[in-house]
């Protein structure tokens, strides 16, 4: 067994632990209230991060 095997195992365990914690600690996502991914031509204003704001 090489030294990279334990590091890989630790990485995946930490990643899975983080994802489990995030899932349990976060508020549930309301999919019906989320903005559309692509709103081109729908007449609906875009919302989101700074890159989608009008200048």
PDB file of N, CA and C in Angstrom:
ATOM      1  N   UNK A   1       0.851  -1.179   0.000  1.00  0.00           N
ATOM      2  CA  UNK A   1       0.000   0.000   0.000  1.00  0.00           C
ATOM      3  C   UNK A   1       0.897   1.243   0.000  1.00  0.00           C
ATOM      4  N   UNK A   2       0.633   2.128  -0.926  1.00  0.00           N
ATOM      5  CA  UNK A   2       1.454   3.335  -1.013  1.00  0.00           C
ATOM      6  C   UNK A   2       0.920   4.405  -0.076  1.00  0.00           C
ATOM      7  N   UNK A   3       1.644   5.496   0.031  1.00  0.00           N
ATOM      8  CA  UNK A   3       1.221   6.566   0.935  1.00  0.00           C
ATOM      9  C   UNK A   3       0.054   7.368   0.379  1.00  0.00           C
ATOM     10  N   UNK A   4      -0.220   7.245  -0.917  1.00  0.00           N
ATOM     11  CA  UNK A   4      -1.344   8.004  -1.476  1.00  0.00           C
ATOM     12  C   UNK A   4      -2.684   7.359  -1.154  1.00  0.00           C
ATOM     13  N   UNK A   5      -2.694   6.058  -0.885  1.00  0.00           N
ATOM     14  CA  UNK A   5      -3.955   5.377  -0.577  1.00  0.00           C
ATOM     15  C   UNK A   5      -4.626   5.949   0.682  1.00  0.00           C
ATOM     16  N   UNK A   6      -3.905   6.099   1.794  1.00  0.00           N
ATOM     17  CA  UNK A   6      -4.549   6.686   2.977  1.00  0.00           C
ATOM     18  C   UNK A   6      -5.006   8.126   2.739  1.00  0.00           C
ATOM     19  N   UNK A   7      -4.238   8.880   1.962  1.00  0.00           N
ATOM     20  CA  UNK A   7      -4.636  10.258   1.678  1.00  0.00           C
ATOM     21  C   UNK A   7      -5.922  10.300   0.864  1.00  0.00           C
ATOM     22  N   UNK A   8      -6.054   9.396  -0.086  1.00  0.00           N
ATOM     23  CA  UNK A   8      -7.288   9.317  -0.875  1.00  0.00           C
ATOM     24  C   UNK A   8      -8.470   8.968   0.017  1.00  0.00           C
ATOM     25  N   UNK A   9      -8.274   8.016   0.902  1.00  0.00           N
ATOM     26  CA  UNK A   9      -9.350   7.607   1.805  1.00  0.00           C
ATOM     27  C   UNK A   9      -9.761   8.759   2.719  1.00  0.00           C
ATOM     28  N   UNK A  10      -8.787   9.472   3.260  1.00  0.00           N
ATOM     29  CA  UNK A  10      -9.089  10.618   4.131  1.00  0.00           C
ATOM     30  C   UNK A  10      -9.825  11.694   3.349  1.00  0.00           C
ATOM     31  N   UNK A  11      -9.386  11.970   2.128  1.00  0.00           N
ATOM     32  CA  UNK A  11     -10.047  12.974   1.299  1.00  0.00           C
ATOM     33  C   UNK A  11     -11.516  12.630   1.099  1.00  0.00           C
ATOM     34  N   UNK A  12     -11.812  11.399   0.677  1.00  0.00           N
ATOM     35  CA  UNK A  12     -13.197  11.014   0.406  1.00  0.00           C
ATOM     36  C   UNK A  12     -14.036  10.991   1.679  1.00  0.00           C
ATOM     37  N   UNK A  13     -13.453  10.573   2.797  1.00  0.00           N
ATOM     38  CA  UNK A  13     -14.198  10.583   4.056  1.00  0.00           C
ATOM     39  C   UNK A  13     -14.527  12.003   4.495  1.00  0.00           C
ATOM     40  N   UNK A  14     -13.566  12.909   4.361  1.00  0.00           N
ATOM     41  CA  UNK A  14     -13.807  14.310   4.726  1.00  0.00           C
ATOM     42  C   UNK A  14     -14.847  14.920   3.796  1.00  0.00           C
ATOM     43  N   UNK A  15     -14.757  14.632   2.503  1.00  0.00           N
ATOM     44  CA  UNK A  15     -15.730  15.160   1.553  1.00  0.00           C
ATOM     45  C   UNK A  15     -17.136  14.645   1.857  1.00  0.00           C
ATOM     46  N   UNK A  16     -17.274  13.363   2.112  1.00  0.00           N
ATOM     47  CA  UNK A  16     -18.587  12.802   2.445  1.00  0.00           C
ATOM     48  C   UNK A  16     -19.118  13.363   3.758  1.00  0.00           C
ATOM     49  N   UNK A  17     -18.248  13.549   4.738  1.00  0.00           N
ATOM     50  CA  UNK A  17     -18.672  14.133   6.012  1.00  0.00           C
ATOM     51  C   UNK A  17     -19.143  15.568   5.813  1.00  0.00           C
ATOM     52  N   UNK A  18     -18.432  16.333   4.987  1.00  0.00           N
ATOM     53  CA  UNK A  18     -18.840  17.712   4.713  1.00  0.00           C
ATOM     54  C   UNK A  18     -20.192  17.756   4.008  1.00  0.00           C
ATOM     55  N   UNK A  19     -20.382  16.909   3.004  1.00  0.00           N
ATOM     56  CA  UNK A  19     -21.658  16.889   2.285  1.00  0.00           C
ATOM     57  C   UNK A  19     -22.805  16.484   3.202  1.00  0.00           C
ATOM     58  N   UNK A  20     -22.574  15.514   4.080  1.00  0.00           N
ATOM     59  CA  UNK A  20     -23.610  15.105   5.030  1.00  0.00           C
ATOM     60  C   UNK A  20     -23.936  16.247   5.988  1.00  0.00           C
ATOM     61  N   UNK A  21     -22.916  16.921   6.498  1.00  0.00           N
ATOM     62  CA  UNK A  21     -23.145  18.056   7.402  1.00  0.00           C
ATOM     63  C   UNK A  21     -23.901  19.172   6.690  1.00  0.00           C
ATOM     64  N   UNK A  22     -23.503  19.486   5.465  1.00  0.00           N
ATOM     65  CA  UNK A  22     -24.155  20.549   4.709  1.00  0.00           C
ATOM     66  C   UNK A  22     -25.621  20.212   4.452  1.00  0.00           C
ATOM     67  N   UNK A  23     -25.898  18.978   4.101  1.00  0.00           N
ATOM     68  CA  UNK A  23     -27.275  18.550   3.849  1.00  0.00           C
ATOM     69  C   UNK A  23     -28.119  18.666   5.113  1.00  0.00           C
ATOM     70  N   UNK A  24     -27.565  18.291   6.251  1.00  0.00           N
ATOM     71  CA  UNK A  24     -28.314  18.324   7.504  1.00  0.00           C
ATOM     72  C   UNK A  24     -28.435  19.738   8.079  1.00  0.00           C
ATOM     73  N   UNK A  25     -27.457  20.597   7.842  1.00  0.00           N
ATOM     74  CA  UNK A  25     -27.449  21.931   8.444  1.00  0.00           C
ATOM     75  C   UNK A  25     -28.166  22.983   7.603  1.00  0.00           C
ATOM     76  N   UNK A  26     -28.364  22.724   6.318  1.00  0.00           N
ATOM     77  CA  UNK A  26     -28.949  23.723   5.422  1.00  0.00           C
ATOM     78  C   UNK A  26     -30.471  23.657   5.437  1.00  0.00           C
ATOM     79  N   UNK A  27     -31.065  24.801   5.145  1.00  0.00           N
ATOM     80  CA  UNK A  27     -32.518  24.839   4.985  1.00  0.00           C
ATOM     81  C   UNK A  27     -32.882  24.136   3.681  1.00  0.00           C
ATOM     82  N   UNK A  28     -34.048  23.505   3.643  1.00  0.00           N
ATOM     83  CA  UNK A  28     -34.432  22.824   2.400  1.00  0.00           C
ATOM     84  C   UNK A  28     -34.624  23.815   1.256  1.00  0.00           C
ATOM     85  N   UNK A  29     -34.307  23.380   0.049  1.00  0.00           N
ATOM     86  CA  UNK A  29     -34.426  24.223  -1.135  1.00  0.00           C
ATOM     87  C   UNK A  29     -35.850  24.126  -1.666  1.00  0.00           C
ATOM     88  N   UNK A  30     -36.473  25.281  -1.884  1.00  0.00           N
ATOM     89  CA  UNK A  30     -37.809  25.319  -2.474  1.00  0.00           C
ATOM     90  C   UNK A  30     -37.639  25.432  -3.984  1.00  0.00           C
ATOM     91  N   UNK A  31     -37.772  24.315  -4.686  1.00  0.00           N
ATOM     92  CA  UNK A  31     -37.534  24.303  -6.124  1.00  0.00           C
ATOM     93  C   UNK A  31     -38.541  25.151  -6.884  1.00  0.00           C
ATOM     94  N   UNK A  32     -39.727  25.348  -6.344  1.00  0.00           N
ATOM     95  CA  UNK A  32     -40.745  26.144  -7.035  1.00  0.00           C
ATOM     96  C   UNK A  32     -40.450  27.642  -6.942  1.00  0.00           C
ATOM     97  N   UNK A  33     -39.582  28.031  -6.024  1.00  0.00           N
ATOM     98  CA  UNK A  33     -39.268  29.436  -5.829  1.00  0.00           C
ATOM     99  C   UNK A  33     -37.927  29.823  -6.462  1.00  0.00           C
ATOM    100  N   UNK A  34     -37.234  28.868  -7.049  1.00  0.00           N
ATOM    101  CA  UNK A  34     -35.935  29.134  -7.663  1.00  0.00           C
ATOM    102  C   UNK A  34     -36.110  29.875  -8.983  1.00  0.00           C
ATOM    103  N   UNK A  35     -35.198  30.789  -9.321  1.00  0.00           N
ATOM    104  CA  UNK A  35     -35.275  31.456 -10.619  1.00  0.00           C
ATOM    105  C   UNK A  35     -34.946  30.468 -11.735  1.00  0.00           C
ATOM    106  N   UNK A  36     -35.482  30.689 -12.924  1.00  0.00           N
ATOM    107  CA  UNK A  36     -35.185  29.774 -14.032  1.00  0.00           C
ATOM    108  C   UNK A  36     -33.713  29.863 -14.436  1.00  0.00           C
ATOM    109  N   UNK A  37     -33.176  28.744 -14.900  1.00  0.00           N
ATOM    110  CA  UNK A  37     -31.780  28.745 -15.335  1.00  0.00           C
ATOM    111  C   UNK A  37     -31.599  29.581 -16.586  1.00  0.00           C
ATOM    112  N   UNK A  38     -32.526  29.446 -17.519  1.00  0.00           N
ATOM    113  CA  UNK A  38     -32.476  30.210 -18.761  1.00  0.00           C
ATOM    114  C   UNK A  38     -33.818  30.908 -18.907  1.00  0.00           C
ATOM    115  N   UNK A  39     -33.801  32.233 -18.915  1.00  0.00           N
ATOM    116  CA  UNK A  39     -35.037  32.989 -19.018  1.00  0.00           C
ATOM    117  C   UNK A  39     -35.089  33.767 -20.321  1.00  0.00           C
ATOM    118  N   UNK A  40     -34.347  33.325 -21.329  1.00  0.00           N
ATOM    119  CA  UNK A  40     -34.269  34.050 -22.595  1.00  0.00           C
ATOM    120  C   UNK A  40     -35.623  34.062 -23.289  1.00  0.00           C
ATOM    121  N   UNK A  41     -36.137  35.251 -23.529  1.00  0.00           N
ATOM    122  CA  UNK A  41     -37.380  35.400 -24.262  1.00  0.00           C
ATOM    123  C   UNK A  41     -38.634  35.114 -23.471  1.00  0.00           C
ATOM    124  N   UNK A  42     -38.518  34.866 -22.179  1.00  0.00           N
ATOM    125  CA  UNK A  42     -39.703  34.540 -21.395  1.00  0.00           C
ATOM    126  C   UNK A  42     -40.389  35.789 -20.859  1.00  0.00           C
ATOM    127  N   UNK A  43     -39.724  36.945 -20.961  1.00  0.00           N
ATOM    128  CA  UNK A  43     -40.290  38.169 -20.411  1.00  0.00           C
ATOM    129  C   UNK A  43     -40.011  38.328 -18.933  1.00  0.00           C
ATOM    130  N   UNK A  44     -39.399  37.345 -18.330  1.00  0.00           N
ATOM    131  CA  UNK A  44     -39.089  37.387 -16.908  1.00  0.00           C
ATOM    132  C   UNK A  44     -37.704  37.994 -16.718  1.00  0.00           C
ATOM    133  N   UNK A  45     -37.593  38.911 -15.778  1.00  0.00           N
ATOM    134  CA  UNK A  45     -36.303  39.560 -15.518  1.00  0.00           C
ATOM    135  C   UNK A  45     -35.332  38.565 -14.897  1.00  0.00           C
ATOM    136  N   UNK A  46     -34.069  38.695 -15.256  1.00  0.00           N
ATOM    137  CA  UNK A  46     -33.062  37.819 -14.673  1.00  0.00           C
ATOM    138  C   UNK A  46     -32.766  38.246 -13.250  1.00  0.00           C
ATOM    139  N   UNK A  47     -32.377  37.302 -12.445  1.00  0.00           N
ATOM    140  CA  UNK A  47     -31.981  37.594 -11.069  1.00  0.00           C
ATOM    141  C   UNK A  47     -30.833  36.665 -10.733  1.00  0.00           C
ATOM    142  N   UNK A  48     -30.087  37.038  -9.751  1.00  0.00           N
ATOM    143  CA  UNK A  48     -28.973  36.181  -9.355  1.00  0.00           C
ATOM    144  C   UNK A  48     -27.779  36.997  -8.952  1.00  0.00           C
ATOM    145  N   UNK A  49     -26.632  36.536  -9.359  1.00  0.00           N
ATOM    146  CA  UNK A  49     -25.378  37.169  -8.970  1.00  0.00           C
ATOM    147  C   UNK A  49     -25.136  38.486  -9.662  1.00  0.00           C
ATOM    148  N   UNK A  50     -24.010  39.100  -9.336  1.00  0.00           N
ATOM    149  CA  UNK A  50     -23.678  40.416  -9.875  1.00  0.00           C
ATOM    150  C   UNK A  50     -23.517  40.396 -11.387  1.00  0.00           C
ATOM    151  N   UNK A  51     -23.192  39.251 -11.962  1.00  0.00           N
ATOM    152  CA  UNK A  51     -22.948  39.206 -13.401  1.00  0.00           C
ATOM    153  C   UNK A  51     -24.245  39.275 -14.205  1.00  0.00           C
ATOM    154  N   UNK A  52     -25.398  39.049 -13.561  1.00  0.00           N
ATOM    155  CA  UNK A  52     -26.655  39.095 -14.299  1.00  0.00           C
ATOM    156  C   UNK A  52     -27.403  40.415 -14.101  1.00  0.00           C
ATOM    157  N   UNK A  53     -26.843  41.309 -13.287  1.00  0.00           N
ATOM    158  CA  UNK A  53     -27.503  42.591 -13.045  1.00  0.00           C
ATOM    159  C   UNK A  53     -27.273  43.549 -14.208  1.00  0.00           C
ATOM    160  N   UNK A  54     -28.297  44.335 -14.491  1.00  0.00           N
ATOM    161  CA  UNK A  54     -28.167  45.343 -15.546  1.00  0.00           C
ATOM    162  C   UNK A  54     -27.243  46.453 -15.070  1.00  0.00           C
ATOM    163  N   UNK A  55     -26.506  47.015 -15.991  1.00  0.00           N
ATOM    164  CA  UNK A  55     -25.570  48.090 -15.621  1.00  0.00           C
ATOM    165  C   UNK A  55     -26.169  49.438 -15.891  1.00  0.00           C
TER     166      UNK A  55
END
